[in-house]
C-alpha cells in the first residue's frame, strides 16, 4: 500500500475513533451526573459505569495504535520527501558550479580576442556586465593573427525535469503492515462486561 493511501485510510480511522471517544466521554459525564443525583446511584449504575470505562479504554487504545502507526508513516513520508529535495538541491548546486565554470571560460575566450556565440556572451552579460565589458575590452587589445571561433558551451544542455518530492513520498510503499482496520463499533462490542 502506498503511503498516501495508508495515510488516508488511517486518518479516517483516527477521526472515527476520536468522534466516538467524544460521544463516550459525554455519556460518561451524563452517567456520573446520574450517579451523583440518584440516591444510591453509585451502586445502581456501577456496572454501566464499568462497561463505559472499559469501552473508553478500548477505543483509546485502538486510536493510539492507529496514531502511532500514522506518526511512523509521516516520519517515513518526511524522510523520503527530504531526501528527494536534498538530492535536487545537490544537483542544482552542481549545475550552478558548472555554469560558473562556463561563464568564466566565456570571459577567458573573450579576453583572448576569440569569437564566441552571442548566446554565450548574453549569459556572461546576465551574470556580470562588468566582467563582460572587461573581457570585451581586453579582447579588443589582444593581438591575434587569426581569431579563434568557438561553439556555445551551453548547446548540449537539456532542460532537467525534477521529480516532485511530495509526489514521490506519497507514491512510496508504506513500511510494514499497519494495524488491522477495525470498525469502532466492533471495538466497542469487543468489550467484556465485568461480572
Protein backbone atom coordinates (compact mmCIF):
# COMPACT_ATOMS: atom_id res chain seq x y z
CA UNK A 1 0.00 0.00 0.00
CA UNK A 2 1.32 3.46 -0.89
CA UNK A 3 1.95 5.97 1.89
CA UNK A 4 -0.76 8.33 0.61
CA UNK A 5 -3.34 5.52 0.64
CA UNK A 6 -2.28 4.38 4.10
CA UNK A 7 -2.42 7.94 5.46
CA UNK A 8 -5.92 8.41 4.09
CA UNK A 9 -7.11 5.07 5.47
CA UNK A 10 -5.67 5.58 8.96
CA UNK A 11 -6.75 9.24 9.11
CA UNK A 12 -10.32 8.07 8.53
CA UNK A 13 -9.97 5.50 11.32
CA UNK A 14 -8.44 8.00 13.75
CA UNK A 15 -11.21 10.50 13.02
CA UNK A 16 -13.92 7.87 13.62
CA UNK A 17 -12.32 6.81 16.91
CA UNK A 18 -11.96 10.43 18.06
CA UNK A 19 -15.61 11.12 17.32
CA UNK A 20 -16.67 8.00 19.22
CA UNK A 21 -14.37 8.92 22.11
CA UNK A 22 -16.09 12.31 22.35
CA UNK A 23 -19.51 10.63 22.42
CA UNK A 24 -18.37 8.18 25.11
CA UNK A 25 -16.86 10.97 27.22
CA UNK A 26 -20.17 12.82 27.11
CA UNK A 27 -22.03 9.63 28.09
CA UNK A 28 -19.61 9.16 30.99
CA UNK A 29 -20.22 12.71 32.17
CA UNK A 30 -24.00 12.21 32.00
CA UNK A 31 -23.70 8.90 33.84
CA UNK A 32 -21.58 10.49 36.58
CA UNK A 33 -24.23 13.16 36.95
CA UNK A 34 -26.93 10.47 37.29
CA UNK A 35 -24.80 8.62 39.83
CA UNK A 36 -24.40 11.76 41.92
CA UNK A 37 -28.05 12.87 41.76
CA UNK A 38 -29.71 9.48 42.26
CA UNK A 39 -29.90 8.04 45.79
CA UNK A 40 -27.60 5.03 45.91
CA UNK A 41 -26.68 5.90 42.29
CA UNK A 42 -23.12 4.63 42.58
CA UNK A 43 -24.25 1.09 43.22
CA UNK A 44 -27.17 1.24 40.78
CA UNK A 45 -25.05 2.44 37.88
CA UNK A 46 -21.76 0.74 38.87
CA UNK A 47 -21.99 -1.94 36.20
CA UNK A 48 -22.90 0.55 33.47
CA UNK A 49 -20.03 2.83 34.59
CA UNK A 50 -17.55 -0.06 34.47
CA UNK A 51 -18.64 -1.06 30.96
CA UNK A 52 -18.44 2.55 29.80
CA UNK A 53 -14.96 2.96 31.29
CA UNK A 54 -13.74 -0.26 29.63
CA UNK A 55 -15.24 0.85 26.33
CA UNK A 56 -13.46 4.20 26.54
CA UNK A 57 -10.19 2.41 27.30
CA UNK A 58 -10.62 0.05 24.32
CA UNK A 59 -11.43 2.92 21.95
CA UNK A 60 -8.50 4.98 23.28
CA UNK A 61 -6.09 2.04 22.97
CA UNK A 62 -7.07 1.37 19.34
CA UNK A 63 -6.97 5.07 18.48
CA UNK A 64 -3.45 5.33 19.95
CA UNK A 65 -2.39 2.26 17.96
CA UNK A 66 -3.56 3.94 14.75
CA UNK A 67 -1.98 7.25 15.73
CA UNK A 68 1.39 5.61 16.46
CA UNK A 69 1.38 3.96 13.04
CA UNK A 70 0.36 7.25 11.43
CA UNK A 71 3.26 9.02 13.17
CA UNK A 72 5.68 6.44 11.74
CA UNK A 73 4.13 6.86 8.28
CA UNK A 74 4.60 10.62 8.50
CA UNK A 75 8.22 10.14 9.52
CA UNK A 76 8.78 7.85 6.52
CA UNK A 77 6.99 10.31 4.23
CA UNK A 78 9.07 13.26 5.52
CA UNK A 79 12.33 11.35 5.21
CA UNK A 80 11.63 10.45 1.58
CA UNK A 81 10.47 13.96 0.63
CA UNK A 82 13.53 15.49 2.32
CA UNK A 83 15.86 13.01 0.63
CA UNK A 84 14.47 13.87 -2.82
CA UNK A 85 14.70 17.61 -2.07
CA UNK A 86 18.28 17.30 -0.85
CA UNK A 87 19.24 15.35 -3.96
CA UNK A 88 17.68 18.01 -6.17
CA UNK A 89 19.44 20.79 -4.27
CA UNK A 90 22.74 18.97 -4.74
CA UNK A 91 22.09 18.63 -8.47
CA UNK A 92 21.12 22.31 -8.71
CA UNK A 93 24.34 23.26 -6.94
CA UNK A 94 26.35 21.10 -9.36
CA UNK A 95 24.61 22.81 -12.28
CA UNK A 96 25.35 26.21 -10.79
CA UNK A 97 29.04 25.38 -10.37
CA UNK A 98 29.19 24.05 -13.94
CA UNK A 99 27.51 27.22 -15.23
CA UNK A 100 30.00 29.37 -13.31
CA UNK A 101 32.86 27.47 -14.94
CA UNK A 102 31.31 28.03 -18.38
CA UNK A 103 30.80 31.75 -17.70
CA UNK A 104 34.43 32.13 -16.67
CA UNK A 105 35.53 30.18 -19.76
CA UNK A 106 33.48 32.53 -22.00
CA UNK A 107 35.16 35.52 -20.29
CA UNK A 108 38.60 33.94 -20.82
CA UNK A 109 37.88 33.32 -24.50
CA UNK A 110 36.66 36.89 -24.99
CA UNK A 111 39.77 38.21 -23.25
CA UNK A 112 41.92 36.32 -25.80
CA UNK A 113 40.00 38.03 -28.59
CA UNK A 114 38.20 34.86 -29.69
CA UNK A 115 34.74 34.76 -31.25
CA UNK A 116 32.06 33.18 -29.08
CA UNK A 117 28.36 32.69 -29.81
CA UNK A 118 26.05 35.60 -28.94
CA UNK A 119 24.08 33.37 -26.57
CA UNK A 120 27.25 32.72 -24.55
CA UNK A 121 28.05 36.45 -24.46
CA UNK A 122 24.49 37.12 -23.27
CA UNK A 123 24.91 34.64 -20.40
CA UNK A 124 28.13 36.40 -19.38
CA UNK A 125 26.35 39.78 -19.54
CA UNK A 126 23.49 38.46 -17.41
CA UNK A 127 25.96 37.19 -14.86
CA UNK A 128 28.11 40.34 -14.68
CA UNK A 129 28.10 43.32 -17.00
CA UNK A 130 31.43 44.49 -15.54
CA UNK A 131 33.13 41.16 -16.25
CA UNK A 132 31.67 41.16 -19.76
CA UNK A 133 32.92 44.68 -20.52
CA UNK A 134 36.34 43.92 -19.09
CA UNK A 135 36.61 40.75 -21.17
CA UNK A 136 35.49 42.55 -24.36
CA UNK A 137 37.95 45.43 -23.76
CA UNK A 138 40.84 43.03 -23.15
CA UNK A 139 39.82 41.05 -26.23
CA UNK A 140 39.92 44.19 -28.33
CA UNK A 141 43.51 44.75 -27.19
CA UNK A 142 44.56 41.16 -27.88
CA UNK A 143 46.78 40.81 -30.92
CA UNK A 144 45.98 37.56 -32.55
CA UNK A 145 46.68 36.83 -36.17
CA UNK A 146 43.62 34.66 -36.57
CA UNK A 147 40.67 34.87 -34.19
CA UNK A 148 39.64 31.51 -32.87
CA UNK A 149 35.93 30.71 -33.17
CA UNK A 150 34.15 28.65 -30.52
CA UNK A 151 30.84 26.83 -30.34
CA UNK A 152 28.44 27.52 -27.49
CA UNK A 153 29.27 25.94 -24.16
CA UNK A 154 25.54 25.53 -23.43
CA UNK A 155 24.45 23.80 -26.66
CA UNK A 156 24.46 20.29 -25.25
CA UNK A 157 22.28 21.21 -22.28
CA UNK A 158 18.85 19.79 -21.95
CA UNK A 159 16.21 21.11 -19.58
CA UNK A 160 16.18 18.96 -16.46
CA UNK A 161 12.89 17.75 -15.09
CA UNK A 162 12.83 17.35 -11.35
CA UNK A 163 10.54 14.92 -9.60
CA UNK A 164 8.10 16.29 -7.07
CA UNK A 165 9.29 15.30 -3.55
CA UNK A 166 5.72 15.22 -2.22
CA UNK A 167 4.51 13.03 -5.07
CA UNK A 168 7.49 10.71 -4.68
CA UNK A 169 6.87 10.37 -0.94
CA UNK A 170 3.13 9.81 -1.48
CA UNK A 171 3.76 7.04 -4.01
CA UNK A 172 6.36 5.18 -1.94
CA UNK A 173 5.28 1.88 -0.43
CA UNK A 174 4.44 2.20 3.26
CA UNK A 175 6.76 0.29 5.56
CA UNK A 176 5.44 -2.93 7.04
CA UNK A 177 1.87 -3.75 7.74
CA UNK A 178 -0.16 -1.27 9.73
CA UNK A 179 -2.53 -2.25 12.49
CA UNK A 180 -5.62 -4.14 11.41
CA UNK A 181 -8.50 -1.89 10.47
CA UNK A 182 -11.27 -2.47 12.97
CA UNK A 183 -14.52 -0.53 12.88
CA UNK A 184 -15.07 1.48 16.03
CA UNK A 185 -18.41 -0.29 16.64
CA UNK A 186 -16.59 -3.65 16.59
CA UNK A 187 -14.01 -2.37 19.07
CA UNK A 188 -16.78 -1.22 21.39
CA UNK A 189 -18.64 -4.52 21.02
CA UNK A 190 -15.49 -6.46 21.95
CA UNK A 191 -15.50 -5.03 25.49
CA UNK A 192 -16.28 -7.74 28.00
CA UNK A 193 -18.80 -6.94 30.70
CA UNK A 194 -17.40 -7.42 34.22
CA UNK A 195 -19.26 -9.82 36.46
